[in-house]
PDB file of N, CA and C in Angstrom:
ATOM      1  N   MET A   1       6.201  11.731  50.509  1.00  0.00           N
ATOM      2  CA  MET A   1       6.638  12.926  51.194  1.00  0.00           C
ATOM      3  C   MET A   1       8.077  12.761  51.702  1.00  0.00           C
ATOM      4  N   LEU A   2       8.329  11.641  52.379  1.00  0.00           N
ATOM      5  CA  LEU A   2       9.671  11.380  52.900  1.00  0.00           C
ATOM      6  C   LEU A   2      10.668  11.221  51.753  1.00  0.00           C
ATOM      7  N   LYS A   3      10.216  10.596  50.682  1.00  0.00           N
ATOM      8  CA  LYS A   3      11.070  10.402  49.507  1.00  0.00           C
ATOM      9  C   LYS A   3      11.471  11.758  48.907  1.00  0.00           C
ATOM     10  N   GLY A   4      10.511  12.660  48.808  1.00  0.00           N
ATOM     11  CA  GLY A   4      10.784  13.996  48.272  1.00  0.00           C
ATOM     12  C   GLY A   4      11.756  14.771  49.141  1.00  0.00           C
ATOM     13  N   LEU A   5      11.585  14.670  50.447  1.00  0.00           N
ATOM     14  CA  LEU A   5      12.477  15.346  51.379  1.00  0.00           C
ATOM     15  C   LEU A   5      13.893  14.784  51.277  1.00  0.00           C
ATOM     16  N   LEU A   6      13.996  13.479  51.180  1.00  0.00           N
ATOM     17  CA  LEU A   6      15.298  12.837  51.044  1.00  0.00           C
ATOM     18  C   LEU A   6      15.995  13.279  49.759  1.00  0.00           C
ATOM     19  N   CYS A   7      15.253  13.362  48.678  1.00  0.00           N
ATOM     20  CA  CYS A   7      15.831  13.819  47.401  1.00  0.00           C
ATOM     21  C   CYS A   7      16.314  15.262  47.513  1.00  0.00           C
ATOM     22  N   SER A   8      15.529  16.106  48.168  1.00  0.00           N
ATOM     23  CA  SER A   8      15.898  17.512  48.321  1.00  0.00           C
ATOM     24  C   SER A   8      17.183  17.652  49.142  1.00  0.00           C
ATOM     25  N   VAL A   9      17.268  16.915  50.232  1.00  0.00           N
ATOM     26  CA  VAL A   9      18.458  16.974  51.082  1.00  0.00           C
ATOM     27  C   VAL A   9      19.682  16.477  50.318  1.00  0.00           C
ATOM     28  N   THR A  10      19.523  15.424  49.552  1.00  0.00           N
ATOM     29  CA  THR A  10      20.625  14.880  48.754  1.00  0.00           C
ATOM     30  C   THR A  10      21.103  15.895  47.721  1.00  0.00           C
ATOM     31  N   MET A  11      20.179  16.545  47.057  1.00  0.00           N
ATOM     32  CA  MET A  11      20.543  17.537  46.038  1.00  0.00           C
ATOM     33  C   MET A  11      21.261  18.729  46.667  1.00  0.00           C
ATOM     34  N   LEU A  12      20.785  19.189  47.813  1.00  0.00           N
ATOM     35  CA  LEU A  12      21.449  20.299  48.490  1.00  0.00           C
ATOM     36  C   LEU A  12      22.865  19.907  48.898  1.00  0.00           C
ATOM     37  N   GLY A  13      23.038  18.682  49.335  1.00  0.00           N
ATOM     38  CA  GLY A  13      24.368  18.198  49.691  1.00  0.00           C
ATOM     39  C   GLY A  13      25.300  18.183  48.494  1.00  0.00           C
ATOM     40  N   LEU A  14      24.816  17.738  47.367  1.00  0.00           N
ATOM     41  CA  LEU A  14      25.629  17.708  46.145  1.00  0.00           C
ATOM     42  C   LEU A  14      25.994  19.108  45.685  1.00  0.00           C
ATOM     43  N   ILE A  15      25.055  20.025  45.791  1.00  0.00           N
ATOM     44  CA  ILE A  15      25.319  21.402  45.388  1.00  0.00           C
ATOM     45  C   ILE A  15      26.358  22.031  46.306  1.00  0.00           C
ATOM     46  N   ALA A  16      26.273  21.743  47.589  1.00  0.00           N
ATOM     47  CA  ALA A  16      27.229  22.301  48.550  1.00  0.00           C
ATOM     48  C   ALA A  16      28.643  21.771  48.335  1.00  0.00           C
ATOM     49  N   VAL A  17      28.774  20.533  47.898  1.00  0.00           N
ATOM     50  CA  VAL A  17      30.090  19.909  47.713  1.00  0.00           C
ATOM     51  C   VAL A  17      30.702  20.274  46.365  1.00  0.00           C
ATOM     52  N   SER A  18      29.920  20.623  45.391  1.00  0.00           N
ATOM     53  CA  SER A  18      30.416  20.899  44.041  1.00  0.00           C
ATOM     54  C   SER A  18      31.525  21.937  43.986  1.00  0.00           C
ATOM     55  N   PRO A  19      31.415  23.095  44.685  1.00  0.00           N
ATOM     56  CA  PRO A  19      32.515  24.063  44.610  1.00  0.00           C
ATOM     57  C   PRO A  19      33.835  23.513  45.135  1.00  0.00           C
ATOM     58  N   ALA A  20      33.791  22.645  46.106  1.00  0.00           N
ATOM     59  CA  ALA A  20      35.032  22.058  46.633  1.00  0.00           C
ATOM     60  C   ALA A  20      35.721  21.216  45.566  1.00  0.00           C
ATOM     61  N   PHE A  21      34.951  20.452  44.808  1.00  0.00           N
ATOM     62  CA  PHE A  21      35.542  19.662  43.731  1.00  0.00           C
ATOM     63  C   PHE A  21      36.085  20.564  42.635  1.00  0.00           C
ATOM     64  N   ALA A  22      35.374  21.617  42.307  1.00  0.00           N
ATOM     65  CA  ALA A  22      35.828  22.535  41.269  1.00  0.00           C
ATOM     66  C   ALA A  22      37.114  23.221  41.697  1.00  0.00           C
ATOM     67  N   GLU A  23      37.208  23.602  42.975  1.00  0.00           N
ATOM     68  CA  GLU A  23      38.392  24.276  43.463  1.00  0.00           C
ATOM     69  C   GLU A  23      39.596  23.358  43.448  1.00  0.00           C
ATOM     70  N   SER A  24      39.433  22.113  43.870  1.00  0.00           N
ATOM     71  CA  SER A  24      40.567  21.200  43.902  1.00  0.00           C
ATOM     72  C   SER A  24      41.035  20.853  42.496  1.00  0.00           C
ATOM     73  N   ALA A  25      40.117  20.844  41.541  1.00  0.00           N
ATOM     74  CA  ALA A  25      40.486  20.540  40.167  1.00  0.00           C
ATOM     75  C   ALA A  25      41.276  21.687  39.540  1.00  0.00           C
ATOM     76  N   ALA A  26      41.124  22.897  40.081  1.00  0.00           N
ATOM     77  CA  ALA A  26      41.774  24.067  39.506  1.00  0.00           C
ATOM     78  C   ALA A  26      43.150  24.328  40.108  1.00  0.00           C
ATOM     79  N   GLN A  27      43.675  23.423  40.895  1.00  0.00           N
ATOM     80  CA  GLN A  27      44.968  23.634  41.518  1.00  0.00           C
ATOM     81  C   GLN A  27      46.092  23.503  40.498  1.00  0.00           C
ATOM     82  N   ALA A  28      47.115  24.310  40.722  1.00  0.00           N
ATOM     83  CA  ALA A  28      48.253  24.340  39.807  1.00  0.00           C
ATOM     84  C   ALA A  28      49.189  23.160  40.047  1.00  0.00           C
ATOM     85  N   ASP A  29      49.699  22.606  38.968  1.00  0.00           N
ATOM     86  CA  ASP A  29      50.713  21.552  39.049  1.00  0.00           C
ATOM     87  C   ASP A  29      52.087  22.193  39.144  1.00  0.00           C
ATOM     88  N   CYS A  30      53.078  21.426  39.521  1.00  0.00           N
ATOM     89  CA  CYS A  30      54.438  21.928  39.692  1.00  0.00           C
ATOM     90  C   CYS A  30      55.213  21.916  38.379  1.00  0.00           C
ATOM     91  N   THR A  31      54.734  22.675  37.435  1.00  0.00           N
ATOM     92  CA  THR A  31      55.455  22.820  36.173  1.00  0.00           C
ATOM     93  C   THR A  31      56.411  24.004  36.287  1.00  0.00           C
ATOM     94  N   ASP A  32      57.383  24.061  35.390  1.00  0.00           N
ATOM     95  CA  ASP A  32      58.313  25.192  35.389  1.00  0.00           C
ATOM     96  C   ASP A  32      57.558  26.511  35.253  1.00  0.00           C
ATOM     97  N   ALA A  33      56.585  26.543  34.368  1.00  0.00           N
ATOM     98  CA  ALA A  33      55.831  27.773  34.128  1.00  0.00           C
ATOM     99  C   ALA A  33      55.062  28.207  35.379  1.00  0.00           C
ATOM    100  N   ASN A  34      54.398  27.282  36.029  1.00  0.00           N
ATOM    101  CA  ASN A  34      53.643  27.625  37.237  1.00  0.00           C
ATOM    102  C   ASN A  34      54.560  28.092  38.359  1.00  0.00           C
ATOM    103  N   MET A  35      55.698  27.443  38.497  1.00  0.00           N
ATOM    104  CA  MET A  35      56.658  27.835  39.531  1.00  0.00           C
ATOM    105  C   MET A  35      57.207  29.236  39.253  1.00  0.00           C
ATOM    106  N   MET A  36      57.538  29.524  37.992  1.00  0.00           N
ATOM    107  CA  MET A  36      58.055  30.850  37.644  1.00  0.00           C
ATOM    108  C   MET A  36      56.990  31.928  37.832  1.00  0.00           C
ATOM    109  N   ASN A  37      55.753  31.636  37.426  1.00  0.00           N
ATOM    110  CA  ASN A  37      54.671  32.609  37.598  1.00  0.00           C
ATOM    111  C   ASN A  37      54.424  32.901  39.070  1.00  0.00           C
ATOM    112  N   ALA A  38      54.419  31.872  39.891  1.00  0.00           N
ATOM    113  CA  ALA A  38      54.202  32.061  41.326  1.00  0.00           C
ATOM    114  C   ALA A  38      55.336  32.880  41.929  1.00  0.00           C
ATOM    115  N   ASN A  39      56.573  32.596  41.547  1.00  0.00           N
ATOM    116  CA  ASN A  39      57.712  33.362  42.051  1.00  0.00           C
ATOM    117  C   ASN A  39      57.616  34.831  41.660  1.00  0.00           C
ATOM    118  N   ALA A  40      57.226  35.083  40.416  1.00  0.00           N
ATOM    119  CA  ALA A  40      57.095  36.469  39.938  1.00  0.00           C
ATOM    120  C   ALA A  40      55.996  37.211  40.692  1.00  0.00           C
ATOM    121  N   THR A  41      54.897  36.539  40.938  1.00  0.00           N
ATOM    122  CA  THR A  41      53.789  37.158  41.661  1.00  0.00           C
ATOM    123  C   THR A  41      54.188  37.451  43.100  1.00  0.00           C
ATOM    124  N   ILE A  42      54.861  36.506  43.733  1.00  0.00           N
ATOM    125  CA  ILE A  42      55.293  36.687  45.125  1.00  0.00           C
ATOM    126  C   ILE A  42      56.315  37.820  45.219  1.00  0.00           C
ATOM    127  N   ALA A  43      57.198  37.938  44.248  1.00  0.00           N
ATOM    128  CA  ALA A  43      58.208  38.999  44.255  1.00  0.00           C
ATOM    129  C   ALA A  43      57.560  40.380  44.237  1.00  0.00           C
ATOM    130  N   LYS A  44      56.380  40.496  43.657  1.00  0.00           N
ATOM    131  CA  LYS A  44      55.681  41.783  43.575  1.00  0.00           C
ATOM    132  C   LYS A  44      54.919  42.143  44.849  1.00  0.00           C
ATOM    133  N   LEU A  45      54.787  41.181  45.769  1.00  0.00           N
ATOM    134  CA  LEU A  45      54.072  41.451  47.014  1.00  0.00           C
ATOM    135  C   LEU A  45      54.849  42.451  47.867  1.00  0.00           C
ATOM    136  N   PRO A  46      54.120  43.275  48.625  1.00  0.00           N
ATOM    137  CA  PRO A  46      54.834  44.162  49.554  1.00  0.00           C
ATOM    138  C   PRO A  46      55.478  43.328  50.665  1.00  0.00           C
ATOM    139  N   ASP A  47      56.595  43.804  51.174  1.00  0.00           N
ATOM    140  CA  ASP A  47      57.270  43.083  52.255  1.00  0.00           C
ATOM    141  C   ASP A  47      56.331  42.939  53.444  1.00  0.00           C
ATOM    142  N   GLY A  48      56.412  41.785  54.081  1.00  0.00           N
ATOM    143  CA  GLY A  48      55.572  41.531  55.238  1.00  0.00           C
ATOM    144  C   GLY A  48      55.420  40.041  55.474  1.00  0.00           C
ATOM    145  N   ASP A  49      54.587  39.716  56.445  1.00  0.00           N
ATOM    146  CA  ASP A  49      54.394  38.312  56.821  1.00  0.00           C
ATOM    147  C   ASP A  49      53.868  37.465  55.672  1.00  0.00           C
ATOM    148  N   ASN A  50      52.927  38.021  54.905  1.00  0.00           N
ATOM    149  CA  ASN A  50      52.330  37.256  53.814  1.00  0.00           C
ATOM    150  C   ASN A  50      53.377  36.880  52.765  1.00  0.00           C
ATOM    151  N   LYS A  51      54.227  37.827  52.421  1.00  0.00           N
ATOM    152  CA  LYS A  51      55.278  37.558  51.435  1.00  0.00           C
ATOM    153  C   LYS A  51      56.275  36.544  51.987  1.00  0.00           C
ATOM    154  N   THR A  52      56.642  36.703  53.261  1.00  0.00           N
ATOM    155  CA  THR A  52      57.589  35.780  53.884  1.00  0.00           C
ATOM    156  C   THR A  52      57.053  34.354  53.884  1.00  0.00           C
ATOM    157  N   MET A  53      55.795  34.194  54.274  1.00  0.00           N
ATOM    158  CA  MET A  53      55.187  32.862  54.307  1.00  0.00           C
ATOM    159  C   MET A  53      55.060  32.277  52.905  1.00  0.00           C
ATOM    160  N   ALA A  54      54.688  33.104  51.925  1.00  0.00           N
ATOM    161  CA  ALA A  54      54.573  32.626  50.546  1.00  0.00           C
ATOM    162  C   ALA A  54      55.937  32.159  50.023  1.00  0.00           C
ATOM    163  N   MET A  55      56.984  32.903  50.369  1.00  0.00           N
ATOM    164  CA  MET A  55      58.333  32.512  49.939  1.00  0.00           C
ATOM    165  C   MET A  55      58.753  31.195  50.593  1.00  0.00           C
ATOM    166  N   LYS A  56      58.387  30.994  51.861  1.00  0.00           N
ATOM    167  CA  LYS A  56      58.704  29.733  52.532  1.00  0.00           C
ATOM    168  C   LYS A  56      57.965  28.568  51.869  1.00  0.00           C
ATOM    169  N   GLU A  57      56.708  28.798  51.505  1.00  0.00           N
ATOM    170  CA  GLU A  57      55.941  27.751  50.815  1.00  0.00           C
ATOM    171  C   GLU A  57      56.581  27.423  49.471  1.00  0.00           C
ATOM    172  N   MET A  58      57.069  28.434  48.761  1.00  0.00           N
ATOM    173  CA  MET A  58      57.736  28.189  47.480  1.00  0.00           C
ATOM    174  C   MET A  58      59.030  27.403  47.686  1.00  0.00           C
ATOM    175  N   ASP A  59      59.769  27.722  48.740  1.00  0.00           N
ATOM    176  CA  ASP A  59      60.989  26.965  49.040  1.00  0.00           C
ATOM    177  C   ASP A  59      60.658  25.493  49.302  1.00  0.00           C
ATOM    178  N   MET A  60      59.587  25.268  50.052  1.00  0.00           N
ATOM    179  CA  MET A  60      59.183  23.888  50.331  1.00  0.00           C
ATOM    180  C   MET A  60      58.703  23.197  49.061  1.00  0.00           C
ATOM    181  N   ALA A  61      58.030  23.948  48.179  1.00  0.00           N
ATOM    182  CA  ALA A  61      57.586  23.376  46.899  1.00  0.00           C
ATOM    183  C   ALA A  61      58.792  22.973  46.053  1.00  0.00           C
ATOM    184  N   LYS A  62      59.786  23.849  45.997  1.00  0.00           N
ATOM    185  CA  LYS A  62      61.001  23.543  45.229  1.00  0.00           C
ATOM    186  C   LYS A  62      61.723  22.322  45.790  1.00  0.00           C
ATOM    187  N   ASN A  63      61.806  22.255  47.110  1.00  0.00           N
ATOM    188  CA  ASN A  63      62.457  21.127  47.758  1.00  0.00           C
ATOM    189  C   ASN A  63      61.704  19.828  47.457  1.00  0.00           C
ATOM    190  N   SER A  64      60.388  19.876  47.566  1.00  0.00           N
ATOM    191  CA  SER A  64      59.575  18.682  47.288  1.00  0.00           C
ATOM    192  C   SER A  64      59.715  18.257  45.831  1.00  0.00           C
ATOM    193  N   ARG A  65      59.745  19.234  44.951  1.00  0.00           N
ATOM    194  CA  ARG A  65      59.883  18.922  43.522  1.00  0.00           C
ATOM    195  C   ARG A  65      61.229  18.263  43.250  1.00  0.00           C
ATOM    196  N   GLY A  66      62.266  18.763  43.903  1.00  0.00           N
ATOM    197  CA  GLY A  66      63.598  18.189  43.735  1.00  0.00           C
ATOM    198  C   GLY A  66      63.700  16.767  44.271  1.00  0.00           C
ATOM    199  N   ASN A  67      62.855  16.460  45.236  1.00  0.00           N
ATOM    200  CA  ASN A  67      62.840  15.112  45.817  1.00  0.00           C
ATOM    201  C   ASN A  67      61.768  14.225  45.207  1.00  0.00           C
ATOM    202  N   ALA A  68      61.230  14.640  44.086  1.00  0.00           N
ATOM    203  CA  ALA A  68      60.218  13.880  43.332  1.00  0.00           C
ATOM    204  C   ALA A  68      58.965  13.587  44.167  1.00  0.00           C
ATOM    205  N   LYS A  69      58.577  14.545  44.999  1.00  0.00           N
ATOM    206  CA  LYS A  69      57.346  14.425  45.792  1.00  0.00           C
ATOM    207  C   LYS A  69      56.322  15.383  45.185  1.00  0.00           C
ATOM    208  N   SER A  70      55.721  14.971  44.083  1.00  0.00           N
ATOM    209  CA  SER A  70      54.866  15.864  43.312  1.00  0.00           C
ATOM    210  C   SER A  70      53.632  16.341  44.068  1.00  0.00           C
ATOM    211  N   GLU A  71      53.024  15.492  44.887  1.00  0.00           N
ATOM    212  CA  GLU A  71      51.834  15.919  45.635  1.00  0.00           C
ATOM    213  C   GLU A  71      52.199  16.958  46.690  1.00  0.00           C
ATOM    214  N   ASP A  72      53.333  16.780  47.360  1.00  0.00           N
ATOM    215  CA  ASP A  72      53.788  17.779  48.330  1.00  0.00           C
ATOM    216  C   ASP A  72      54.107  19.090  47.626  1.00  0.00           C
ATOM    217  N   CYS A  73      54.770  18.995  46.483  1.00  0.00           N
ATOM    218  CA  CYS A  73      55.103  20.184  45.706  1.00  0.00           C
ATOM    219  C   CYS A  73      53.838  20.938  45.330  1.00  0.00           C
ATOM    220  N   LYS A  74      52.864  20.216  44.840  1.00  0.00           N
ATOM    221  CA  LYS A  74      51.602  20.827  44.421  1.00  0.00           C
ATOM    222  C   LYS A  74      50.915  21.515  45.597  1.00  0.00           C
ATOM    223  N   MET A  75      50.912  20.867  46.753  1.00  0.00           N
ATOM    224  CA  MET A  75      50.279  21.438  47.942  1.00  0.00           C
ATOM    225  C   MET A  75      50.958  22.754  48.335  1.00  0.00           C
ATOM    226  N   HIS A  76      52.294  22.759  48.400  1.00  0.00           N
ATOM    227  CA  HIS A  76      53.020  23.961  48.801  1.00  0.00           C
ATOM    228  C   HIS A  76      52.900  25.058  47.754  1.00  0.00           C
ATOM    229  N   LEU A  77      52.955  24.697  46.487  1.00  0.00           N
ATOM    230  CA  LEU A  77      52.808  25.685  45.416  1.00  0.00           C
ATOM    231  C   LEU A  77      51.448  26.365  45.512  1.00  0.00           C
ATOM    232  N   ASN A  78      50.412  25.600  45.710  1.00  0.00           N
ATOM    233  CA  ASN A  78      49.076  26.178  45.772  1.00  0.00           C
ATOM    234  C   ASN A  78      48.871  27.019  47.030  1.00  0.00           C
ATOM    235  N   LYS A  79      49.509  26.657  48.132  1.00  0.00           N
ATOM    236  CA  LYS A  79      49.460  27.506  49.323  1.00  0.00           C
ATOM    237  C   LYS A  79      50.138  28.842  49.032  1.00  0.00           C
ATOM    238  N   ALA A  80      51.281  28.788  48.359  1.00  0.00           N
ATOM    239  CA  ALA A  80      51.997  30.022  48.015  1.00  0.00           C
ATOM    240  C   ALA A  80      51.159  30.895  47.085  1.00  0.00           C
ATOM    241  N   ILE A  81      50.507  30.285  46.125  1.00  0.00           N
ATOM    242  CA  ILE A  81      49.654  31.026  45.198  1.00  0.00           C
ATOM    243  C   ILE A  81      48.506  31.677  45.959  1.00  0.00           C
ATOM    244  N   ASP A  82      47.886  30.940  46.864  1.00  0.00           N
ATOM    245  CA  ASP A  82      46.792  31.493  47.654  1.00  0.00           C
ATOM    246  C   ASP A  82      47.251  32.675  48.497  1.00  0.00           C
ATOM    247  N   MET A  83      48.445  32.583  49.053  1.00  0.00           N
ATOM    248  CA  MET A  83      48.972  33.673  49.880  1.00  0.00           C
ATOM    249  C   MET A  83      49.290  34.917  49.062  1.00  0.00           C
ATOM    250  N   SER A  84      49.549  34.730  47.776  1.00  0.00           N
ATOM    251  CA  SER A  84      49.916  35.879  46.939  1.00  0.00           C
ATOM    252  C   SER A  84      48.703  36.570  46.328  1.00  0.00           C
ATOM    253  N   LYS A  85      47.514  36.024  46.547  1.00  0.00           N
ATOM    254  CA  LYS A  85      46.296  36.654  46.025  1.00  0.00           C
ATOM    255  C   LYS A  85      45.869  37.808  46.920  1.00  0.00           C
ATOM    256  N   PRO A  86      45.394  38.892  46.297  1.00  0.00           N
ATOM    257  CA  PRO A  86      44.925  40.020  47.119  1.00  0.00           C
ATOM    258  C   PRO A  86      43.705  39.611  47.929  1.00  0.00           C
ATOM    259  N   LYS A  87      43.652  40.093  49.127  1.00  0.00           N
ATOM    260  CA  LYS A  87      42.523  39.749  50.011  1.00  0.00           C
ATOM    261  C   LYS A  87      41.437  40.790  49.921  1.00  0.00           C
TER     262      LYS A  87
END
């Protein structure tokens, strides 16, 4: 009985964590194409706080990319992409 309960709890934990792994695997890398696509999408946003913040994230991504900080670039690029998605 205890063994079955332990297995069930473990499986539920794995199922709950799976979307987080899938989401992190789907993050965009700092390629020229991804940077251009993100810039184009952000340019189409209506003026406002969301667009301003997305543009700041893109600036930080560009700066990080120029300084060969690929993980920082990726983080900022993906934040900018998230901000440009319709809510």
